[in-house]
Amino acid sequence: MPTLHFVDGAGQLLAAVEAQPGDVLLDVARLADVPLHWRCGQGTCGTCKVSIRHADPQQPVRLTRKERNVLLRAGLIDAAQAAQESWPDVSSGWRLACHVPVGEQDWQVVCPQD
């Protein structure tokens, strides 16, 4: 069972939570009372943006068209990124917590406090 370490933008630990692989990241955060901003929970508003870091080998990240469009509209990615179906697995990239299934490995999840 992976452990998710939720941290703020300064790296301060907000919560450490065990999760089941396949759980939706936003649901895990909400159940653990992590102060992660979100509005719709449906992937249309873009407020649940997070950055995910892990120590495992990097794998291509496949995003849905909806997630890419929301990230583009929010100004978190550019048009070139939005046109790609998969991205490199880099911790500097943004994801929407309502679209991210928890993986098998431990993660550090950066929750910006803006």
N, C-alpha and C. Protein backbone atom coordinates (compact mmCIF):
# COMPACT_ATOMS: atom_id res chain seq x y z
N MET A 1 0.86 -1.17 0.00
CA MET A 1 0.00 0.00 0.00
C MET A 1 0.91 1.24 0.00
N PRO A 2 0.75 2.10 -0.99
CA PRO A 2 1.60 3.29 -1.07
C PRO A 2 1.25 4.33 0.00
N THR A 3 2.24 5.07 0.41
CA THR A 3 2.05 6.20 1.32
C THR A 3 2.19 7.49 0.52
N LEU A 4 1.22 8.35 0.67
CA LEU A 4 1.22 9.64 -0.01
C LEU A 4 1.56 10.71 1.02
N HIS A 5 2.62 11.47 0.75
CA HIS A 5 3.03 12.57 1.62
C HIS A 5 2.58 13.86 0.95
N PHE A 6 1.55 14.47 1.50
CA PHE A 6 1.05 15.73 0.98
C PHE A 6 1.84 16.86 1.63
N VAL A 7 2.42 17.72 0.79
CA VAL A 7 3.20 18.85 1.29
C VAL A 7 2.71 20.13 0.64
N ASP A 8 2.97 21.25 1.31
CA ASP A 8 2.62 22.54 0.70
C ASP A 8 3.75 22.98 -0.21
N GLY A 9 3.59 24.13 -0.83
CA GLY A 9 4.58 24.63 -1.79
C GLY A 9 5.95 24.85 -1.19
N ALA A 10 6.03 25.03 0.13
CA ALA A 10 7.31 25.24 0.81
C ALA A 10 7.92 23.92 1.29
N GLY A 11 7.22 22.80 1.04
CA GLY A 11 7.74 21.49 1.45
C GLY A 11 7.33 21.06 2.83
N GLN A 12 6.46 21.81 3.50
CA GLN A 12 6.00 21.44 4.83
C GLN A 12 4.96 20.33 4.74
N LEU A 13 5.13 19.29 5.54
CA LEU A 13 4.22 18.15 5.51
C LEU A 13 2.83 18.55 5.98
N LEU A 14 1.83 18.27 5.17
CA LEU A 14 0.44 18.50 5.51
C LEU A 14 -0.21 17.24 6.07
N ALA A 15 0.15 16.09 5.48
CA ALA A 15 -0.41 14.81 5.91
C ALA A 15 0.36 13.68 5.24
N ALA A 16 0.42 12.55 5.92
CA ALA A 16 0.95 11.31 5.34
C ALA A 16 -0.18 10.29 5.42
N VAL A 17 -0.56 9.76 4.27
CA VAL A 17 -1.75 8.92 4.17
C VAL A 17 -1.45 7.67 3.37
N GLU A 18 -1.90 6.52 3.85
CA GLU A 18 -1.82 5.30 3.04
C GLU A 18 -3.05 5.26 2.14
N ALA A 19 -2.85 4.77 0.93
CA ALA A 19 -3.95 4.70 -0.03
C ALA A 19 -3.88 3.40 -0.80
N GLN A 20 -4.97 3.04 -1.39
CA GLN A 20 -5.03 1.86 -2.24
C GLN A 20 -4.67 2.26 -3.66
N PRO A 21 -3.84 1.47 -4.34
CA PRO A 21 -3.60 1.76 -5.76
C PRO A 21 -4.93 1.80 -6.52
N GLY A 22 -5.08 2.80 -7.36
CA GLY A 22 -6.31 2.96 -8.12
C GLY A 22 -7.27 3.97 -7.51
N ASP A 23 -7.10 4.30 -6.21
CA ASP A 23 -7.94 5.34 -5.61
C ASP A 23 -7.69 6.66 -6.34
N VAL A 24 -8.67 7.50 -6.40
CA VAL A 24 -8.51 8.82 -7.01
C VAL A 24 -7.84 9.73 -5.98
N LEU A 25 -6.79 10.41 -6.41
CA LEU A 25 -5.98 11.22 -5.51
C LEU A 25 -6.81 12.27 -4.77
N LEU A 26 -7.74 12.93 -5.43
CA LEU A 26 -8.57 13.93 -4.77
C LEU A 26 -9.40 13.31 -3.65
N ASP A 27 -9.95 12.12 -3.88
CA ASP A 27 -10.74 11.45 -2.85
C ASP A 27 -9.88 11.12 -1.63
N VAL A 28 -8.66 10.67 -1.86
CA VAL A 28 -7.74 10.36 -0.75
C VAL A 28 -7.47 11.63 0.05
N ALA A 29 -7.19 12.73 -0.63
CA ALA A 29 -6.91 14.00 0.04
C ALA A 29 -8.12 14.49 0.84
N ARG A 30 -9.29 14.40 0.25
CA ARG A 30 -10.50 14.87 0.94
C ARG A 30 -10.78 14.04 2.18
N LEU A 31 -10.66 12.73 2.08
CA LEU A 31 -10.92 11.86 3.23
C LEU A 31 -9.92 12.08 4.36
N ALA A 32 -8.72 12.53 4.01
CA ALA A 32 -7.67 12.77 5.01
C ALA A 32 -7.65 14.23 5.47
N ASP A 33 -8.62 15.03 5.04
CA ASP A 33 -8.69 16.45 5.38
C ASP A 33 -7.44 17.22 5.00
N VAL A 34 -6.84 16.86 3.87
CA VAL A 34 -5.70 17.59 3.35
C VAL A 34 -6.20 18.91 2.77
N PRO A 35 -5.57 20.03 3.10
CA PRO A 35 -6.04 21.32 2.57
C PRO A 35 -5.66 21.51 1.10
N LEU A 36 -6.27 20.72 0.26
CA LEU A 36 -6.07 20.81 -1.19
C LEU A 36 -7.28 21.53 -1.77
N HIS A 37 -7.03 22.64 -2.45
CA HIS A 37 -8.13 23.41 -3.02
C HIS A 37 -8.79 22.63 -4.16
N TRP A 38 -10.11 22.62 -4.17
CA TRP A 38 -10.88 22.00 -5.24
C TRP A 38 -12.28 22.62 -5.22
N ARG A 39 -12.93 22.61 -6.33
CA ARG A 39 -14.29 23.14 -6.43
C ARG A 39 -15.25 22.10 -6.95
N CYS A 40 -14.99 21.65 -8.17
CA CYS A 40 -16.00 20.83 -8.84
C CYS A 40 -15.84 19.33 -8.59
N GLY A 41 -14.62 18.84 -8.46
CA GLY A 41 -14.39 17.42 -8.30
C GLY A 41 -14.62 16.63 -9.58
N GLN A 42 -14.89 17.32 -10.68
CA GLN A 42 -15.21 16.67 -11.95
C GLN A 42 -14.16 16.89 -13.02
N GLY A 43 -13.13 17.67 -12.71
CA GLY A 43 -12.08 17.92 -13.69
C GLY A 43 -12.36 19.04 -14.65
N THR A 44 -13.24 19.97 -14.27
CA THR A 44 -13.54 21.07 -15.18
C THR A 44 -13.03 22.42 -14.69
N CYS A 45 -12.77 22.56 -13.39
CA CYS A 45 -12.40 23.88 -12.87
C CYS A 45 -10.89 24.10 -12.80
N GLY A 46 -10.11 23.06 -12.63
CA GLY A 46 -8.65 23.18 -12.60
C GLY A 46 -8.07 23.59 -11.26
N THR A 47 -8.88 23.68 -10.21
CA THR A 47 -8.35 24.16 -8.93
C THR A 47 -7.61 23.08 -8.13
N CYS A 48 -7.77 21.82 -8.46
CA CYS A 48 -7.14 20.75 -7.69
C CYS A 48 -5.77 20.36 -8.25
N LYS A 49 -5.07 21.33 -8.79
CA LYS A 49 -3.77 21.05 -9.40
C LYS A 49 -2.76 20.62 -8.33
N VAL A 50 -1.96 19.63 -8.69
CA VAL A 50 -0.90 19.12 -7.82
C VAL A 50 0.31 18.77 -8.68
N SER A 51 1.42 18.63 -8.01
CA SER A 51 2.63 18.13 -8.65
C SER A 51 3.02 16.88 -7.89
N ILE A 52 3.33 15.81 -8.60
CA ILE A 52 3.61 14.52 -7.97
C ILE A 52 5.07 14.17 -8.17
N ARG A 53 5.71 13.78 -7.08
CA ARG A 53 7.11 13.37 -7.12
C ARG A 53 7.23 11.97 -6.55
N HIS A 54 8.09 11.17 -7.16
CA HIS A 54 8.33 9.82 -6.66
C HIS A 54 9.73 9.40 -7.05
N ALA A 55 10.22 8.36 -6.37
CA ALA A 55 11.60 7.91 -6.60
C ALA A 55 11.69 6.78 -7.61
N ASP A 56 10.57 6.25 -8.05
CA ASP A 56 10.58 5.13 -8.97
C ASP A 56 10.98 5.57 -10.38
N PRO A 57 11.32 4.61 -11.23
CA PRO A 57 11.66 4.98 -12.62
C PRO A 57 10.51 5.73 -13.27
N GLN A 58 10.88 6.68 -14.09
CA GLN A 58 9.86 7.49 -14.75
C GLN A 58 9.19 6.71 -15.87
N GLN A 59 7.90 6.87 -15.96
CA GLN A 59 7.09 6.25 -16.99
C GLN A 59 6.32 7.36 -17.70
N PRO A 60 6.00 7.19 -18.97
CA PRO A 60 5.17 8.21 -19.63
C PRO A 60 3.84 8.38 -18.90
N VAL A 61 3.38 9.60 -18.79
CA VAL A 61 2.12 9.91 -18.13
C VAL A 61 1.07 10.13 -19.21
N ARG A 62 -0.04 9.40 -19.15
CA ARG A 62 -1.11 9.55 -20.12
C ARG A 62 -2.25 10.33 -19.48
N LEU A 63 -2.58 11.45 -20.08
CA LEU A 63 -3.65 12.29 -19.58
C LEU A 63 -4.85 12.19 -20.51
N THR A 64 -6.02 12.40 -19.94
CA THR A 64 -7.22 12.43 -20.77
C THR A 64 -7.27 13.76 -21.51
N ARG A 65 -8.02 13.80 -22.57
CA ARG A 65 -8.20 15.04 -23.33
C ARG A 65 -8.80 16.12 -22.43
N LYS A 66 -9.74 15.74 -21.58
CA LYS A 66 -10.38 16.69 -20.68
C LYS A 66 -9.36 17.32 -19.73
N GLU A 67 -8.49 16.49 -19.14
CA GLU A 67 -7.48 17.03 -18.23
C GLU A 67 -6.52 17.97 -18.96
N ARG A 68 -6.08 17.56 -20.15
CA ARG A 68 -5.18 18.43 -20.94
C ARG A 68 -5.84 19.77 -21.25
N ASN A 69 -7.12 19.75 -21.63
CA ASN A 69 -7.82 20.99 -21.96
C ASN A 69 -7.98 21.90 -20.75
N VAL A 70 -8.28 21.32 -19.60
CA VAL A 70 -8.43 22.13 -18.38
C VAL A 70 -7.09 22.74 -17.98
N LEU A 71 -6.01 21.96 -18.05
CA LEU A 71 -4.69 22.49 -17.72
C LEU A 71 -4.29 23.60 -18.69
N LEU A 72 -4.64 23.44 -19.95
CA LEU A 72 -4.35 24.47 -20.95
C LEU A 72 -5.13 25.74 -20.65
N ARG A 73 -6.42 25.60 -20.40
CA ARG A 73 -7.27 26.76 -20.08
C ARG A 73 -6.80 27.50 -18.83
N ALA A 74 -6.27 26.74 -17.87
CA ALA A 74 -5.78 27.35 -16.62
C ALA A 74 -4.39 27.96 -16.78
N GLY A 75 -3.78 27.79 -17.95
CA GLY A 75 -2.46 28.34 -18.19
C GLY A 75 -1.34 27.54 -17.56
N LEU A 76 -1.60 26.28 -17.21
CA LEU A 76 -0.60 25.44 -16.55
C LEU A 76 0.25 24.66 -17.54
N ILE A 77 -0.21 24.57 -18.78
CA ILE A 77 0.56 23.95 -19.85
C ILE A 77 0.39 24.80 -21.11
N ASP A 78 1.24 24.53 -22.10
CA ASP A 78 1.11 25.26 -23.36
C ASP A 78 0.41 24.38 -24.40
N ALA A 79 0.15 24.95 -25.55
CA ALA A 79 -0.59 24.24 -26.61
C ALA A 79 0.17 23.01 -27.09
N ALA A 80 1.49 23.08 -27.13
CA ALA A 80 2.28 21.92 -27.57
C ALA A 80 2.10 20.75 -26.62
N GLN A 81 2.09 21.01 -25.31
CA GLN A 81 1.86 19.94 -24.35
C GLN A 81 0.44 19.41 -24.47
N ALA A 82 -0.52 20.29 -24.66
CA ALA A 82 -1.92 19.88 -24.75
C ALA A 82 -2.15 18.97 -25.95
N ALA A 83 -1.33 19.09 -26.97
CA ALA A 83 -1.48 18.28 -28.17
C ALA A 83 -0.92 16.87 -28.00
N GLN A 84 -0.14 16.64 -26.96
CA GLN A 84 0.47 15.33 -26.75
C GLN A 84 -0.42 14.45 -25.89
N GLU A 85 -0.52 13.17 -26.25
CA GLU A 85 -1.32 12.25 -25.47
C GLU A 85 -0.59 11.72 -24.25
N SER A 86 0.73 11.73 -24.29
CA SER A 86 1.49 11.33 -23.10
C SER A 86 2.62 12.32 -22.89
N TRP A 87 3.02 12.45 -21.65
CA TRP A 87 4.06 13.39 -21.26
C TRP A 87 5.16 12.65 -20.52
N PRO A 88 6.34 13.24 -20.49
CA PRO A 88 7.37 12.68 -19.62
C PRO A 88 6.92 12.81 -18.16
N ASP A 89 7.31 11.87 -17.35
CA ASP A 89 6.95 11.84 -15.93
C ASP A 89 7.93 12.74 -15.18
N VAL A 90 7.60 14.02 -15.07
CA VAL A 90 8.48 14.97 -14.39
C VAL A 90 7.73 15.64 -13.24
N SER A 91 8.43 15.88 -12.15
CA SER A 91 7.78 16.45 -10.97
C SER A 91 7.42 17.92 -11.14
N SER A 92 7.94 18.56 -12.18
CA SER A 92 7.60 19.97 -12.40
C SER A 92 6.27 20.14 -13.12
N GLY A 93 5.70 19.04 -13.59
CA GLY A 93 4.44 19.11 -14.31
C GLY A 93 3.24 19.12 -13.39
N TRP A 94 2.16 19.70 -13.86
CA TRP A 94 0.92 19.76 -13.09
C TRP A 94 -0.03 18.66 -13.51
N ARG A 95 -0.79 18.17 -12.57
CA ARG A 95 -1.87 17.23 -12.81
C ARG A 95 -3.09 17.71 -12.03
N LEU A 96 -4.24 17.21 -12.39
CA LEU A 96 -5.46 17.48 -11.65
C LEU A 96 -5.73 16.29 -10.74
N ALA A 97 -5.80 16.54 -9.44
CA ALA A 97 -5.96 15.46 -8.46
C ALA A 97 -7.22 14.64 -8.70
N CYS A 98 -8.23 15.24 -9.31
CA CYS A 98 -9.47 14.51 -9.58
C CYS A 98 -9.34 13.55 -10.75
N HIS A 99 -8.22 13.61 -11.47
CA HIS A 99 -7.99 12.72 -12.62
C HIS A 99 -6.89 11.69 -12.36
N VAL A 100 -6.22 11.77 -11.22
CA VAL A 100 -5.03 10.96 -11.00
C VAL A 100 -5.35 9.74 -10.14
N PRO A 101 -5.19 8.54 -10.69
CA PRO A 101 -5.31 7.34 -9.86
C PRO A 101 -3.99 7.13 -9.11
N VAL A 102 -4.11 6.74 -7.86
CA VAL A 102 -2.92 6.46 -7.06
C VAL A 102 -2.20 5.27 -7.66
N GLY A 103 -0.89 5.36 -7.71
CA GLY A 103 -0.07 4.28 -8.25
C GLY A 103 0.36 3.30 -7.18
N GLU A 104 1.32 2.47 -7.51
CA GLU A 104 1.81 1.43 -6.60
C GLU A 104 2.90 1.95 -5.67
N GLN A 105 3.52 3.09 -6.02
CA GLN A 105 4.67 3.58 -5.28
C GLN A 105 4.28 4.71 -4.33
N ASP A 106 5.19 5.02 -3.40
CA ASP A 106 5.01 6.17 -2.51
C ASP A 106 5.17 7.45 -3.33
N TRP A 107 4.38 8.44 -2.99
CA TRP A 107 4.43 9.72 -3.69
C TRP A 107 4.59 10.85 -2.70
N GLN A 108 5.20 11.93 -3.16
CA GLN A 108 5.11 13.22 -2.51
C GLN A 108 4.20 14.06 -3.40
N VAL A 109 3.14 14.57 -2.83
CA VAL A 109 2.15 15.34 -3.59
C VAL A 109 2.22 16.79 -3.12
N VAL A 110 2.65 17.67 -4.02
CA VAL A 110 2.77 19.09 -3.69
C VAL A 110 1.43 19.76 -3.97
N CYS A 111 0.87 20.36 -2.92
CA CYS A 111 -0.42 21.06 -3.01
C CYS A 111 -0.17 22.55 -2.87
N PRO A 112 -0.18 23.30 -3.97
CA PRO A 112 0.06 24.73 -3.87
C PRO A 112 -1.04 25.41 -3.05
N GLN A 113 -0.66 26.36 -2.27
CA GLN A 113 -1.62 27.05 -1.39
C GLN A 113 -1.97 28.42 -1.96
N ASP A 114 -2.47 28.46 -3.21
CA ASP A 114 -2.83 29.74 -3.80
C ASP A 114 -4.31 29.89 -3.93
